[in-house]
Amino acid sequence: MMRAPSDELPIRFENVSFAVRDVRAIADLEWAIGGTGTTVLLGPNGAGKTTLLRLAMGLIRPTSGRVSWGGRENVPPTRRAFLFQRPAMLRRSAAGNIHYALAAAGLPRAERNTRATTLLTQVGLEGFGERPARQLSGGEQQRLALARALARDPAVLFLDEPTASLDPASTKSIEDIIRGIAARGVRVVMSTHDLGQARRLADDIVLMHRGRTAETGKAGTFFDAPSTLEARRFLNGDLLI
């Protein structure tokens, strides 16, 4: 089922900076998130990827500049969802974790069991509903965290290093789920350090360096014919300082 368009898109960054104790994590950023597909944020540690995702979600506000959702500022994230790199599991069953997210999203109580079962199946955890969430493996917990994020029926989903520290089999499971989410029309924006993962999942690439977008474009063009020195060095495995 394709998602209906959201009035929270496009998300626009207009001359946005974000600083902590005079250290700028994002600097004079101009960018827009719209359309469909999967955008992958690449860049070294400290480049500003996580900060950019948090600004886009509305978890933090810019130090200067303007972030807008569908042309408006300070819009509640009713159609946005965020998956943290290390999501916390509630002391509940797997289904209980999803029920909590569904309640927070305002879904009527009578519909929660059916919706929770659907979400568990969507992330490959059918039959896991009664298991304590904190006893699941790392890969299973990450899939459960994805199900919780999808409880909001998001139009845009932000993923911060969604497969960090996972083994190859768990990574493949998460990537398959991300592909399915994007295929249903959810706008996906994710960060990763894994160039192979970026090649497999990205429609578009944003390379970040020192809080700025060093290069943006279609994934094929970025990998086959990068236009900036920073991109060529990054793809060559050189350190960006």
C-alpha atoms as a PDB file:
ATOM      1  CA  MET A   1       0.000   0.000   0.000  1.00  0.00           C
ATOM      2  CA  MET A   2       1.441   3.364  -1.041  1.00  0.00           C
ATOM      3  CA  ARG A   3       1.478   6.144   1.540  1.00  0.00           C
ATOM      4  CA  ALA A   4      -0.594   9.263   0.980  1.00  0.00           C
ATOM      5  CA  PRO A   5       1.394  12.466   0.428  1.00  0.00           C
ATOM      6  CA  SER A   6       2.290  14.337   3.592  1.00  0.00           C
ATOM      7  CA  ASP A   7       1.825  18.044   4.172  1.00  0.00           C
ATOM      8  CA  GLU A   8       5.095  17.913   6.171  1.00  0.00           C
ATOM      9  CA  LEU A   9       7.063  17.555   2.926  1.00  0.00           C
ATOM     10  CA  PRO A  10       9.196  19.028   1.545  1.00  0.00           C
ATOM     11  CA  ILE A  11      11.526  19.621   4.476  1.00  0.00           C
ATOM     12  CA  ARG A  12      13.697  22.644   3.704  1.00  0.00           C
ATOM     13  CA  PHE A  13      16.903  23.861   5.297  1.00  0.00           C
ATOM     14  CA  GLU A  14      17.546  27.533   4.657  1.00  0.00           C
ATOM     15  CA  ASN A  15      20.976  28.771   5.732  1.00  0.00           C
ATOM     16  CA  VAL A  16      20.830  26.439   8.740  1.00  0.00           C
ATOM     17  CA  SER A  17      23.603  26.228  11.324  1.00  0.00           C
ATOM     18  CA  PHE A  18      23.728  24.301  14.570  1.00  0.00           C
ATOM     19  CA  ALA A  19      26.396  24.813  17.199  1.00  0.00           C
ATOM     20  CA  VAL A  20      27.179  23.439  20.639  1.00  0.00           C
ATOM     21  CA  ARG A  21      29.511  25.574  22.767  1.00  0.00           C
ATOM     22  CA  ASP A  22      30.645  27.499  19.688  1.00  0.00           C
ATOM     23  CA  VAL A  23      31.468  24.292  17.788  1.00  0.00           C
ATOM     24  CA  ARG A  24      29.401  24.190  14.606  1.00  0.00           C
ATOM     25  CA  ALA A  25      28.080  20.727  13.721  1.00  0.00           C
ATOM     26  CA  ILE A  26      26.063  22.142  10.791  1.00  0.00           C
ATOM     27  CA  ALA A  27      27.204  25.221   8.892  1.00  0.00           C
ATOM     28  CA  ASP A  28      25.111  27.374   6.546  1.00  0.00           C
ATOM     29  CA  LEU A  29      23.214  24.401   5.134  1.00  0.00           C
ATOM     30  CA  GLU A  30      20.875  24.742   2.155  1.00  0.00           C
ATOM     31  CA  TRP A  31      19.015  21.529   1.383  1.00  0.00           C
ATOM     32  CA  ALA A  32      15.553  20.088   0.733  1.00  0.00           C
ATOM     33  CA  ILE A  33      13.997  16.659   1.325  1.00  0.00           C
ATOM     34  CA  GLY A  34      11.085  15.778  -0.923  1.00  0.00           C
ATOM     35  CA  GLY A  35       9.965  13.322  -3.535  1.00  0.00           C
ATOM     36  CA  THR A  36      10.359   9.581  -3.047  1.00  0.00           C
ATOM     37  CA  GLY A  37      13.126   7.040  -2.647  1.00  0.00           C
ATOM     38  CA  THR A  38      16.082   6.659  -0.311  1.00  0.00           C
ATOM     39  CA  THR A  39      18.722   9.294   0.382  1.00  0.00           C
ATOM     40  CA  VAL A  40      21.917   8.135   2.066  1.00  0.00           C
ATOM     41  CA  LEU A  41      24.066  10.529   4.085  1.00  0.00           C
ATOM     42  CA  LEU A  42      27.761   9.702   3.898  1.00  0.00           C
ATOM     43  CA  GLY A  43      30.761  11.296   5.559  1.00  0.00           C
ATOM     44  CA  PRO A  44      33.348  10.802   8.286  1.00  0.00           C
ATOM     45  CA  ASN A  45      32.580  10.863  11.989  1.00  0.00           C
ATOM     46  CA  GLY A  46      31.771  14.401  13.067  1.00  0.00           C
ATOM     47  CA  ALA A  47      30.625  15.451   9.598  1.00  0.00           C
ATOM     48  CA  GLY A  48      27.157  16.352  10.910  1.00  0.00           C
ATOM     49  CA  LYS A  49      25.065  13.430   9.654  1.00  0.00           C
ATOM     50  CA  THR A  50      23.269  12.659  12.911  1.00  0.00           C
ATOM     51  CA  THR A  51      22.743  16.340  13.672  1.00  0.00           C
ATOM     52  CA  LEU A  52      21.204  16.827  10.232  1.00  0.00           C
ATOM     53  CA  LEU A  53      18.786  13.934  10.823  1.00  0.00           C
ATOM     54  CA  ARG A  54      17.786  15.316  14.223  1.00  0.00           C
ATOM     55  CA  LEU A  55      17.161  18.765  12.742  1.00  0.00           C
ATOM     56  CA  ALA A  56      15.039  17.246   9.975  1.00  0.00           C
ATOM     57  CA  MET A  57      13.010  15.276  12.514  1.00  0.00           C
ATOM     58  CA  GLY A  58      12.533  18.377  14.655  1.00  0.00           C
ATOM     59  CA  LEU A  59      14.285  16.903  17.704  1.00  0.00           C
ATOM     60  CA  ILE A  60      16.559  19.950  17.909  1.00  0.00           C
ATOM     61  CA  ARG A  61      16.253  23.486  16.592  1.00  0.00           C
ATOM     62  CA  PRO A  62      18.854  25.291  14.516  1.00  0.00           C
ATOM     63  CA  THR A  63      21.110  27.852  16.117  1.00  0.00           C
ATOM     64  CA  SER A  64      20.438  30.037  13.106  1.00  0.00           C
ATOM     65  CA  GLY A  65      18.554  29.734   9.831  1.00  0.00           C
ATOM     66  CA  ARG A  66      15.210  28.071   9.185  1.00  0.00           C
ATOM     67  CA  VAL A  67      13.934  24.506   8.939  1.00  0.00           C
ATOM     68  CA  SER A  68      10.423  24.175   7.536  1.00  0.00           C
ATOM     69  CA  TRP A  69       8.033  21.288   6.913  1.00  0.00           C
ATOM     70  CA  GLY A  70       5.657  21.856   4.030  1.00  0.00           C
ATOM     71  CA  GLY A  71       6.446  25.563   4.250  1.00  0.00           C
ATOM     72  CA  ARG A  72       5.715  25.797   7.999  1.00  0.00           C
ATOM     73  CA  GLU A  73       7.979  25.956  11.027  1.00  0.00           C
ATOM     74  CA  ASN A  74       7.669  24.087  14.336  1.00  0.00           C
ATOM     75  CA  VAL A  75       5.385  21.406  12.900  1.00  0.00           C
ATOM     76  CA  PRO A  76       4.622  18.434  15.198  1.00  0.00           C
ATOM     77  CA  PRO A  77       6.111  15.208  13.751  1.00  0.00           C
ATOM     78  CA  THR A  78       2.851  13.422  13.044  1.00  0.00           C
ATOM     79  CA  ARG A  79       4.143  11.846   9.800  1.00  0.00           C
ATOM     80  CA  ARG A  80       7.853  11.634  10.669  1.00  0.00           C
ATOM     81  CA  ALA A  81       9.655   8.820  12.464  1.00  0.00           C
ATOM     82  CA  PHE A  82      13.237   8.391  13.665  1.00  0.00           C
ATOM     83  CA  LEU A  83      15.251   5.234  14.321  1.00  0.00           C
ATOM     84  CA  PHE A  84      18.209   5.869  16.602  1.00  0.00           C
ATOM     85  CA  GLN A  85      21.479   4.021  16.154  1.00  0.00           C
ATOM     86  CA  ARG A  86      21.016   2.307  19.530  1.00  0.00           C
ATOM     87  CA  PRO A  87      17.269   2.323  20.231  1.00  0.00           C
ATOM     88  CA  ALA A  88      16.158   1.545  23.781  1.00  0.00           C
ATOM     89  CA  MET A  89      13.780  -1.332  24.376  1.00  0.00           C
ATOM     90  CA  LEU A  90      10.968  -0.875  26.886  1.00  0.00           C
ATOM     91  CA  ARG A  91      10.637  -3.484  29.659  1.00  0.00           C
ATOM     92  CA  ARG A  92       7.746  -5.072  27.827  1.00  0.00           C
ATOM     93  CA  SER A  93       7.130  -7.776  25.274  1.00  0.00           C
ATOM     94  CA  ALA A  94       7.862  -7.148  21.617  1.00  0.00           C
ATOM     95  CA  ALA A  95       4.149  -6.584  21.028  1.00  0.00           C
ATOM     96  CA  GLY A  96       3.979  -4.381  24.109  1.00  0.00           C
ATOM     97  CA  ASN A  97       6.679  -2.131  22.674  1.00  0.00           C
ATOM     98  CA  ILE A  98       4.620  -1.706  19.517  1.00  0.00           C
ATOM     99  CA  HIS A  99       1.400  -1.169  21.474  1.00  0.00           C
ATOM    100  CA  TYR A 100       3.111   1.678  23.311  1.00  0.00           C
ATOM    101  CA  ALA A 101       4.084   3.292  19.999  1.00  0.00           C
ATOM    102  CA  LEU A 102       0.592   2.801  18.563  1.00  0.00           C
ATOM    103  CA  ALA A 103      -0.973   4.424  21.625  1.00  0.00           C
ATOM    104  CA  ALA A 104       1.414   7.367  21.297  1.00  0.00           C
ATOM    105  CA  ALA A 105       0.395   7.663  17.634  1.00  0.00           C
ATOM    106  CA  GLY A 106      -3.273   7.856  18.667  1.00  0.00           C
ATOM    107  CA  LEU A 107      -4.466   4.572  17.188  1.00  0.00           C
ATOM    108  CA  PRO A 108      -7.719   3.412  18.842  1.00  0.00           C
ATOM    109  CA  ARG A 109      -7.189   0.616  21.375  1.00  0.00           C
ATOM    110  CA  ALA A 110      -9.486  -1.760  19.466  1.00  0.00           C
ATOM    111  CA  GLU A 111      -7.205  -1.619  16.420  1.00  0.00           C
ATOM    112  CA  ARG A 112      -3.853  -2.060  18.157  1.00  0.00           C
ATOM    113  CA  ASN A 113      -3.653  -5.865  18.289  1.00  0.00           C
ATOM    114  CA  THR A 114      -4.238  -6.234  14.565  1.00  0.00           C
ATOM    115  CA  ARG A 115      -1.865  -3.420  13.695  1.00  0.00           C
ATOM    116  CA  ALA A 116       0.852  -4.769  16.018  1.00  0.00           C
ATOM    117  CA  THR A 117       0.604  -8.201  14.410  1.00  0.00           C
ATOM    118  CA  THR A 118       0.883  -6.632  10.953  1.00  0.00           C
ATOM    119  CA  LEU A 119       3.962  -4.639  11.942  1.00  0.00           C
ATOM    120  CA  LEU A 120       5.687  -7.641  13.513  1.00  0.00           C
ATOM    121  CA  THR A 121       5.094  -9.589  10.306  1.00  0.00           C
ATOM    122  CA  GLN A 122       6.365  -6.688   8.202  1.00  0.00           C
ATOM    123  CA  VAL A 123       9.739  -6.781   9.968  1.00  0.00           C
ATOM    124  CA  GLY A 124      10.016 -10.565  10.068  1.00  0.00           C
ATOM    125  CA  LEU A 125       9.140 -11.003  13.741  1.00  0.00           C
ATOM    126  CA  GLU A 126       5.858 -12.887  13.429  1.00  0.00           C
ATOM    127  CA  GLY A 127       5.520 -15.176  16.434  1.00  0.00           C
ATOM    128  CA  PHE A 128       7.804 -12.980  18.555  1.00  0.00           C
ATOM    129  CA  GLY A 129       5.035 -10.861  20.071  1.00  0.00           C
ATOM    130  CA  GLU A 130       5.146 -12.315  23.585  1.00  0.00           C
ATOM    131  CA  ARG A 131       8.931 -12.429  23.893  1.00  0.00           C
ATOM    132  CA  PRO A 132      10.563  -9.890  26.208  1.00  0.00           C
ATOM    133  CA  ALA A 133      12.000  -7.192  23.955  1.00  0.00           C
ATOM    134  CA  ARG A 134      15.242  -6.924  25.917  1.00  0.00           C
ATOM    135  CA  GLN A 135      15.938 -10.641  25.417  1.00  0.00           C
ATOM    136  CA  LEU A 136      15.877 -10.397  21.636  1.00  0.00           C
ATOM    137  CA  SER A 137      19.137 -10.435  19.685  1.00  0.00           C
ATOM    138  CA  GLY A 138      20.645  -7.190  18.453  1.00  0.00           C
ATOM    139  CA  GLY A 139      19.280  -7.682  14.959  1.00  0.00           C
ATOM    140  CA  GLU A 140      15.837  -8.611  16.269  1.00  0.00           C
ATOM    141  CA  GLN A 141      15.771  -5.546  18.513  1.00  0.00           C
ATOM    142  CA  GLN A 142      16.635  -3.343  15.546  1.00  0.00           C
ATOM    143  CA  ARG A 143      13.805  -4.869  13.532  1.00  0.00           C
ATOM    144  CA  LEU A 144      11.455  -4.292  16.459  1.00  0.00           C
ATOM    145  CA  ALA A 145      12.625  -0.683  16.649  1.00  0.00           C
ATOM    146  CA  LEU A 146      11.772  -0.326  12.950  1.00  0.00           C
ATOM    147  CA  ALA A 147       8.293  -1.709  13.637  1.00  0.00           C
ATOM    148  CA  ARG A 148       7.842   0.861  16.422  1.00  0.00           C
ATOM    149  CA  ALA A 149       8.888   3.643  14.063  1.00  0.00           C
ATOM    150  CA  LEU A 150       6.418   2.413  11.449  1.00  0.00           C
ATOM    151  CA  ALA A 151       3.630   2.549  14.048  1.00  0.00           C
ATOM    152  CA  ARG A 152       3.369   6.246  13.223  1.00  0.00           C
ATOM    153  CA  ASP A 153       2.574   5.411   9.579  1.00  0.00           C
ATOM    154  CA  PRO A 154       5.297   7.869   8.596  1.00  0.00           C
ATOM    155  CA  ALA A 155       5.618   9.646   5.288  1.00  0.00           C
ATOM    156  CA  VAL A 156       9.328  10.142   5.992  1.00  0.00           C
ATOM    157  CA  LEU A 157      11.580   7.838   8.009  1.00  0.00           C
ATOM    158  CA  PHE A 158      14.986   8.887   9.360  1.00  0.00           C
ATOM    159  CA  LEU A 159      17.502   6.136  10.107  1.00  0.00           C
ATOM    160  CA  ASP A 160      20.758   6.816  11.947  1.00  0.00           C
ATOM    161  CA  GLU A 161      23.287   4.052  11.153  1.00  0.00           C
ATOM    162  CA  PRO A 162      20.542   1.399  11.244  1.00  0.00           C
ATOM    163  CA  THR A 163      22.910  -1.590  10.894  1.00  0.00           C
ATOM    164  CA  ALA A 164      25.874  -0.434  12.981  1.00  0.00           C
ATOM    165  CA  SER A 165      27.430  -3.378  14.863  1.00  0.00           C
ATOM    166  CA  LEU A 166      25.092  -5.940  13.275  1.00  0.00           C
ATOM    167  CA  ASP A 167      26.337  -9.131  11.649  1.00  0.00           C
ATOM    168  CA  PRO A 168      25.947  -9.621   7.860  1.00  0.00           C
ATOM    169  CA  ALA A 169      22.758 -11.698   8.129  1.00  0.00           C
ATOM    170  CA  SER A 170      21.065  -9.135  10.385  1.00  0.00           C
ATOM    171  CA  THR A 171      22.286  -6.327   8.137  1.00  0.00           C
ATOM    172  CA  LYS A 172      20.704  -7.999   5.109  1.00  0.00           C
ATOM    173  CA  SER A 173      17.403  -8.389   6.978  1.00  0.00           C
ATOM    174  CA  ILE A 174      17.342  -4.694   7.873  1.00  0.00           C
ATOM    175  CA  GLU A 175      18.259  -3.664   4.325  1.00  0.00           C
ATOM    176  CA  ASP A 176      15.453  -5.818   2.905  1.00  0.00           C
ATOM    177  CA  ILE A 177      12.983  -4.137   5.263  1.00  0.00           C
ATOM    178  CA  ILE A 178      14.240  -0.673   4.266  1.00  0.00           C
ATOM    179  CA  ARG A 179      13.756  -1.525   0.587  1.00  0.00           C
ATOM    180  CA  GLY A 180      10.199  -2.635   1.302  1.00  0.00           C
ATOM    181  CA  ILE A 181       9.464   0.534   3.252  1.00  0.00           C
ATOM    182  CA  ALA A 182      10.757   2.740   0.427  1.00  0.00           C
ATOM    183  CA  ALA A 183       8.826   0.699  -2.156  1.00  0.00           C
ATOM    184  CA  ARG A 184       5.593   1.578  -0.336  1.00  0.00           C
ATOM    185  CA  GLY A 185       6.266   5.267  -0.848  1.00  0.00           C
ATOM    186  CA  VAL A 186       7.839   6.179   2.492  1.00  0.00           C
ATOM    187  CA  ARG A 187      10.616   8.749   2.043  1.00  0.00           C
ATOM    188  CA  VAL A 188      13.743   7.285   3.647  1.00  0.00           C
ATOM    189  CA  VAL A 189      16.746   9.352   4.747  1.00  0.00           C
ATOM    190  CA  MET A 190      19.525   7.402   6.408  1.00  0.00           C
ATOM    191  CA  SER A 191      23.131   7.734   7.461  1.00  0.00           C
ATOM    192  CA  THR A 192      25.751   5.020   7.097  1.00  0.00           C
ATOM    193  CA  HIS A 193      29.503   4.491   7.069  1.00  0.00           C
ATOM    194  CA  ASP A 194      29.122   1.465   4.797  1.00  0.00           C
ATOM    195  CA  LEU A 195      29.796   2.329   1.156  1.00  0.00           C
ATOM    196  CA  GLY A 196      28.517  -1.079   0.070  1.00  0.00           C
ATOM    197  CA  GLN A 197      25.250  -0.416   1.858  1.00  0.00           C
ATOM    198  CA  ALA A 198      25.000   3.007   0.249  1.00  0.00           C
ATOM    199  CA  ARG A 199      25.453   1.418  -3.184  1.00  0.00           C
ATOM    200  CA  ARG A 200      22.759  -1.156  -2.435  1.00  0.00           C
ATOM    201  CA  LEU A 201      20.121   1.171  -1.014  1.00  0.00           C
ATOM    202  CA  ALA A 202      20.632   4.747  -2.174  1.00  0.00           C
ATOM    203  CA  ASP A 203      18.743   6.540  -4.885  1.00  0.00           C
ATOM    204  CA  ASP A 204      20.510   9.766  -3.913  1.00  0.00           C
ATOM    205  CA  ILE A 205      23.694  10.502  -1.973  1.00  0.00           C
ATOM    206  CA  VAL A 206      24.590  13.435   0.254  1.00  0.00           C
ATOM    207  CA  LEU A 207      28.267  13.560   1.224  1.00  0.00           C
ATOM    208  CA  MET A 208      28.802  15.668   4.318  1.00  0.00           C
ATOM    209  CA  HIS A 209      32.073  17.228   5.426  1.00  0.00           C
ATOM    210  CA  ARG A 210      32.564  19.680   8.265  1.00  0.00           C
ATOM    211  CA  GLY A 211      28.845  20.285   8.617  1.00  0.00           C
ATOM    212  CA  ARG A 212      28.285  21.095   4.960  1.00  0.00           C
ATOM    213  CA  THR A 213      27.071  19.149   1.942  1.00  0.00           C
ATOM    214  CA  ALA A 214      30.265  18.496  -0.009  1.00  0.00           C
ATOM    215  CA  GLU A 215      28.424  16.762  -2.855  1.00  0.00           C
ATOM    216  CA  THR A 216      24.836  15.737  -3.611  1.00  0.00           C
ATOM    217  CA  GLY A 217      23.413  13.785  -6.509  1.00  0.00           C
ATOM    218  CA  LYS A 218      22.149  10.510  -7.868  1.00  0.00           C
ATOM    219  CA  ALA A 219      23.874   7.488  -6.410  1.00  0.00           C
ATOM    220  CA  GLY A 220      25.094   6.148  -9.735  1.00  0.00           C
ATOM    221  CA  THR A 221      26.698   9.441 -10.682  1.00  0.00           C
ATOM    222  CA  PHE A 222      28.247   9.881  -7.236  1.00  0.00           C
ATOM    223  CA  PHE A 223      29.921   6.479  -7.296  1.00  0.00           C
ATOM    224  CA  ASP A 224      30.897   6.421 -10.985  1.00  0.00           C
ATOM    225  CA  ALA A 225      31.813  10.055 -11.623  1.00  0.00           C
ATOM    226  CA  PRO A 226      32.158  12.094  -8.391  1.00  0.00           C
ATOM    227  CA  SER A 227      32.506  15.789  -9.143  1.00  0.00           C
ATOM    228  CA  THR A 228      34.326  17.055  -6.045  1.00  0.00           C
ATOM    229  CA  LEU A 229      37.735  16.379  -4.555  1.00  0.00           C
ATOM    230  CA  GLU A 230      36.120  15.483  -1.224  1.00  0.00           C
ATOM    231  CA  ALA A 231      33.974  12.800  -2.860  1.00  0.00           C
ATOM    232  CA  ARG A 232      36.873  11.332  -4.808  1.00  0.00           C
ATOM    233  CA  ARG A 233      39.020  11.194  -1.687  1.00  0.00           C
ATOM    234  CA  PHE A 234      36.220   9.682   0.396  1.00  0.00           C
ATOM    235  CA  LEU A 235      35.523   6.970  -2.180  1.00  0.00           C
ATOM    236  CA  ASN A 236      39.247   6.272  -2.410  1.00  0.00           C
ATOM    237  CA  GLY A 237      39.374   5.606   1.313  1.00  0.00           C
ATOM    238  CA  ASP A 238      41.363   8.722   2.163  1.00  0.00           C
ATOM    239  CA  LEU A 239      40.696  10.559   5.412  1.00  0.00           C
ATOM    240  CA  LEU A 240      38.631  13.719   5.193  1.00  0.00           C
ATOM    241  CA  ILE A 241      39.926  16.107   7.847  1.00  0.00           C
END
